[in-house]
Structure formats: C-alpha cells, structure tokens
Protein backbone atom coordinates (compact mmCIF):
# COMPACT_ATOMS: atom_id res chain seq x y z
CA MET A 1 -83.62 76.12 7.25
CA ILE A 2 -80.23 74.51 8.07
CA GLU A 3 -77.61 76.73 9.63
CA LEU A 4 -74.21 77.14 8.02
CA ASN A 5 -72.33 75.61 10.97
CA GLU A 6 -74.54 72.51 10.89
CA LYS A 7 -74.13 72.24 7.13
CA ALA A 8 -70.32 72.52 7.46
CA SER A 9 -70.32 69.90 10.19
CA ASN A 10 -72.33 67.48 7.99
CA TYR A 11 -69.97 68.12 5.09
CA ALA A 12 -66.90 67.46 7.24
CA GLU A 13 -68.43 64.28 8.64
CA GLU A 14 -69.16 62.98 5.15
CA ASN A 15 -65.72 63.88 3.67
CA VAL A 16 -63.14 63.70 6.46
CA PHE A 17 -62.42 60.00 5.93
CA ASN A 18 -61.67 60.45 2.23
CA VAL A 19 -59.50 63.52 2.83
CA LEU A 20 -57.50 61.79 5.60
CA LYS A 21 -57.21 58.61 3.52
CA GLU A 22 -55.72 60.55 0.59
CA ALA A 23 -53.36 62.51 2.87
CA PHE A 24 -52.06 59.36 4.60
CA ALA A 25 -51.60 57.59 1.24
CA LYS A 26 -49.50 60.53 -0.01
CA VAL A 27 -47.39 60.65 3.18
CA TYR A 28 -46.81 56.89 2.97
CA ALA A 29 -45.80 57.04 -0.72
CA ASP A 30 -43.46 59.99 -0.13
CA GLY A 31 -41.80 58.20 2.79
CA TYR A 32 -41.46 54.99 0.82
CA ARG A 33 -39.80 56.86 -2.07
CA ASP A 34 -37.40 58.66 0.29
CA GLY A 35 -36.45 55.40 1.98
CA TYR A 36 -35.86 53.72 -1.35
CA LYS A 37 -33.70 56.64 -2.51
CA ASP A 38 -31.65 56.47 0.74
CA CYS A 39 -31.13 52.76 0.21
CA GLN A 40 -29.98 53.26 -3.40
CA ASN A 41 -27.58 56.03 -2.34
CA HIS A 42 -26.32 53.93 0.64
CA ASN A 43 -27.38 56.67 3.07
CA SER A 44 -27.22 55.28 6.60
CA VAL A 45 -30.12 56.33 8.80
CA ASN A 46 -30.41 55.28 12.39
CA LEU A 47 -33.99 54.05 12.72
CA ARG A 48 -33.80 52.82 16.30
CA ILE A 49 -33.15 54.16 19.75
CA SER A 50 -29.73 52.91 20.77
CA ASN A 51 -29.89 50.28 23.46
CA THR A 52 -26.18 49.54 23.25
CA GLU A 53 -24.70 48.45 26.53
CA TYR A 54 -20.97 49.05 26.98
CA VAL A 55 -18.58 47.11 29.18
CA ASP A 56 -15.50 48.53 30.89
CA LEU A 57 -12.88 45.83 30.49
CA GLY A 58 -10.18 47.86 32.27
CA LEU A 59 -8.19 48.58 29.13
CA PRO A 60 -5.32 51.10 29.44
CA SER A 61 -6.93 53.44 26.82
CA GLY A 62 -10.23 53.48 28.68
CA THR A 63 -12.05 52.10 25.60
CA LEU A 64 -15.42 50.56 26.41
CA TRP A 65 -16.61 47.73 24.17
CA SER A 66 -20.28 46.97 23.43
CA ALA A 67 -21.56 43.93 25.27
CA ASP A 68 -23.04 42.47 22.06
CA TYR A 69 -23.44 43.11 18.34
CA GLU A 70 -25.81 45.88 17.28
CA LYS A 71 -29.36 44.67 16.94
CA ASP A 72 -32.58 45.90 15.37
CA VAL A 73 -35.09 44.65 17.94
CA ASN A 74 -33.78 41.05 18.33
CA ASP A 75 -32.02 40.57 14.99
CA THR A 76 -28.30 41.17 14.62
CA ILE A 77 -27.56 43.93 12.12
CA PHE A 78 -25.25 43.03 9.23
CA GLU A 79 -23.78 45.90 7.19
CA PRO A 80 -21.11 46.37 4.54
CA TYR A 81 -17.92 48.10 5.56
CA GLN A 82 -18.93 51.32 3.80
CA LEU A 83 -21.88 51.78 6.19
CA ALA A 84 -20.27 50.30 9.29
CA SER A 85 -17.17 52.50 9.04
CA SER A 86 -19.30 55.63 9.60
CA LYS A 87 -20.30 54.28 13.00
CA SER A 88 -18.27 53.97 16.17
CA ILE A 89 -16.72 50.60 15.28
CA PRO A 90 -13.33 49.84 16.86
CA THR A 91 -10.17 51.01 15.19
CA ARG A 92 -7.46 48.51 14.41
CA ALA A 93 -5.45 49.97 17.30
CA GLN A 94 -8.38 49.42 19.70
CA TRP A 95 -8.69 45.84 18.44
CA ASN A 96 -4.97 45.26 18.93
CA GLU A 97 -5.17 46.64 22.49
CA LEU A 98 -8.04 44.28 23.28
CA ARG A 99 -6.26 41.37 21.66
CA ARG A 100 -3.05 42.01 23.71
CA CYS A 101 -4.58 42.95 27.08
CA ALA A 102 -7.48 40.49 27.36
CA LYS A 103 -7.53 36.82 28.19
CA TRP A 104 -9.14 34.81 25.39
CA GLU A 105 -11.05 31.55 25.69
CA PHE A 106 -12.32 29.82 22.55
CA VAL A 107 -15.22 27.65 23.72
CA GLY A 108 -16.38 24.73 21.63
CA LYS A 109 -15.68 21.12 20.89
CA ASP A 110 -12.88 20.29 18.48
CA ASP A 111 -12.97 22.97 15.74
CA LYS A 112 -16.61 23.91 16.27
CA LEU A 113 -16.59 27.38 17.82
CA GLU A 114 -19.55 28.14 20.14
CA VAL A 115 -18.40 31.40 21.69
CA VAL A 116 -15.25 33.41 22.34
CA LYS A 117 -14.98 34.66 25.90
CA CYS A 118 -12.91 37.86 26.28
CA THR A 119 -11.95 38.72 29.85
CA GLY A 120 -10.47 42.18 30.39
CA PRO A 121 -7.70 43.06 32.84
CA ASN A 122 -10.35 44.01 35.46
CA GLY A 123 -12.17 40.67 35.15
CA ASN A 124 -15.20 41.97 33.17
CA VAL A 125 -16.25 39.82 30.26
CA ILE A 126 -17.70 40.26 26.79
CA LEU A 127 -18.70 37.39 24.51
CA PHE A 128 -18.21 37.07 20.78
CA HIS A 129 -20.69 34.69 19.15
CA PRO A 130 -19.84 33.22 15.74
CA MET A 131 -22.29 34.99 13.44
CA GLY A 132 -20.37 34.67 10.18
CA GLY A 133 -21.24 37.18 7.44
CA ILE A 134 -23.69 37.63 4.62
CA ASN A 135 -22.78 37.80 0.96
CA PHE A 136 -25.64 38.20 -1.55
CA THR A 137 -28.07 37.02 1.17
CA LYS A 138 -26.16 33.79 1.79
CA LYS A 139 -24.39 33.16 5.07
CA VAL A 140 -20.62 32.86 4.64
CA ARG A 141 -17.88 31.74 7.00
CA SER A 142 -20.37 30.54 9.56
CA GLY A 143 -18.68 29.19 12.65
CA ARG A 144 -16.38 32.22 12.80
CA VAL A 145 -16.55 35.48 14.67
CA LEU A 146 -16.34 38.33 12.14
CA PHE A 147 -16.78 42.05 12.70
CA TRP A 148 -15.56 45.25 11.08
CA VAL A 149 -12.74 47.47 12.38
CA ASN A 150 -11.67 50.88 11.03
CA SER A 151 -8.23 50.78 9.48
CA THR A 152 -6.33 53.16 7.20
CA ALA A 153 -3.76 50.46 6.42
CA ILE A 154 -6.15 47.65 5.45
CA LYS A 155 -9.09 48.17 3.10
CA ASN A 156 -12.44 46.78 4.43
CA CYS A 157 -10.71 45.44 7.54
CA ALA A 158 -12.43 42.74 9.59
CA VAL A 159 -11.46 40.74 12.65
CA HIS A 160 -11.67 36.94 12.42
CA LEU A 161 -11.79 34.65 15.45
CA TRP A 162 -11.94 30.90 14.79
CA LYS A 163 -10.86 27.46 15.98
CA TYR A 164 -8.56 25.21 14.04
CA ASP A 165 -6.87 22.02 15.30
CA GLY A 166 -8.57 22.70 18.65
CA GLU A 167 -6.76 26.05 19.04
CA GLY A 168 -8.15 29.59 18.95
CA HIS A 169 -6.90 31.92 16.22
CA GLN A 170 -7.20 35.68 15.64
CA ASN A 171 -6.59 37.79 12.56
CA ALA A 172 -7.53 41.16 11.05
CA ASP A 173 -7.49 41.39 7.26
CA SER A 174 -9.21 42.78 4.16
CA GLN A 175 -12.63 41.52 3.12
CA ASP A 176 -14.79 41.85 0.01
CA SER A 177 -16.67 45.14 -0.15
CA ASP A 178 -20.00 43.37 -0.70
CA LEU A 179 -19.66 41.30 2.48
CA LYS A 180 -22.02 42.27 5.32
CA LEU A 181 -20.78 41.67 8.86
CA PRO A 182 -22.19 42.25 12.33
CA ILE A 183 -21.37 45.55 14.04
CA ARG A 184 -19.52 45.84 17.36
CA LEU A 185 -19.24 49.35 18.79
CA VAL A 186 -16.78 51.06 21.11
CA LYS A 187 -16.67 54.34 23.00
CA ASN A 188 -14.31 56.15 25.35
CA LYS A 189 -15.06 56.57 29.05
C-alpha cells in the first residue's frame, strides 16, 4: 500500500509544471495589460536603475548637469514634453545660466554639427551631440542638438543648438507636443 506522503509527492511531481505554467502565464498577461494601460494613460514609470553621471561645471547656482542624455541601456531615450517635464530636466533659468556662464564650441565642418562642447567656469566639460528629435517615428531636425527645458513662459520649450553659415547658434522655443526629444537632467549640489 502506498503512503499518503508518497502519493502526494507523486501528484505534485506530475502536476507542478502545469500549475506553474498557468500561474506564470497569468502573471505575464496581467503585467502586459498593466503596461499597456500605463502607456495609453501616458503614465511614466522608471524601469531602470539610474546611471546618470552629473558634472559640476562651476555654475554660480551650483546646478550640476548630466554628462549625457538619459539612456535605456545604450539607447538614448526620446520622450514628449509631457513625460519629460515630470523629470528633473533643466528649467529655462538653468539653461540661461549655462548659456551665459559657459564657453561654447560648435565642432563640425561648415554647417555640419558634430558636437557642441560646453566648458563651465571651472574648466569641466559636457558634450551635446546632435540627436535631433522623433516625430511619428521619423527623425526630425537631425544635425541639431535638441532637448527639453521646463518653462512656464513657453509651452513645450526646447533648446536648439545648431550651426549656420559656419557659426554656432542657440535658441529656446516652443515645439510640437507630439515631438519626442532626448532628455538631459540637472540636479543641485
């Protein structure tokens, strides 16, 4: 005669795979639905551990600027203003301070911008690479540096850095709400 414990063990061995398979399928489906719902509702969820490196440029306010655009693994993250503005993107005042206090070098041949080198008052450097933006999955304004800044005066405010007639130019103005731009972060010391 088989003992109850042995019988239970045999039953578990025969059925555990099916039970686990069904449980994992349900968990996966629930997670997929929640993620889809968050996407539809434009809920921003940080899915990565922040590896943002900040650089002290010696600005009077003590603002530290991120060394690069935000990335998901190796890919630059592009977001619409609505999502980006909930993050620690620079304010228009922080951008204006950087613009005034830093030394700017627009590197590239003729009007082709390769990189913008920003040297702070203390000699530390951050680079701005021309990433352009994305509109309906198509790259727009490639060859320009574009990134969002928080502004109460300008709706969907973005910084533009570009070369024209061999000279570097800077501007901050309103952009389309469906445009996705790279994210540059700031923080205080």
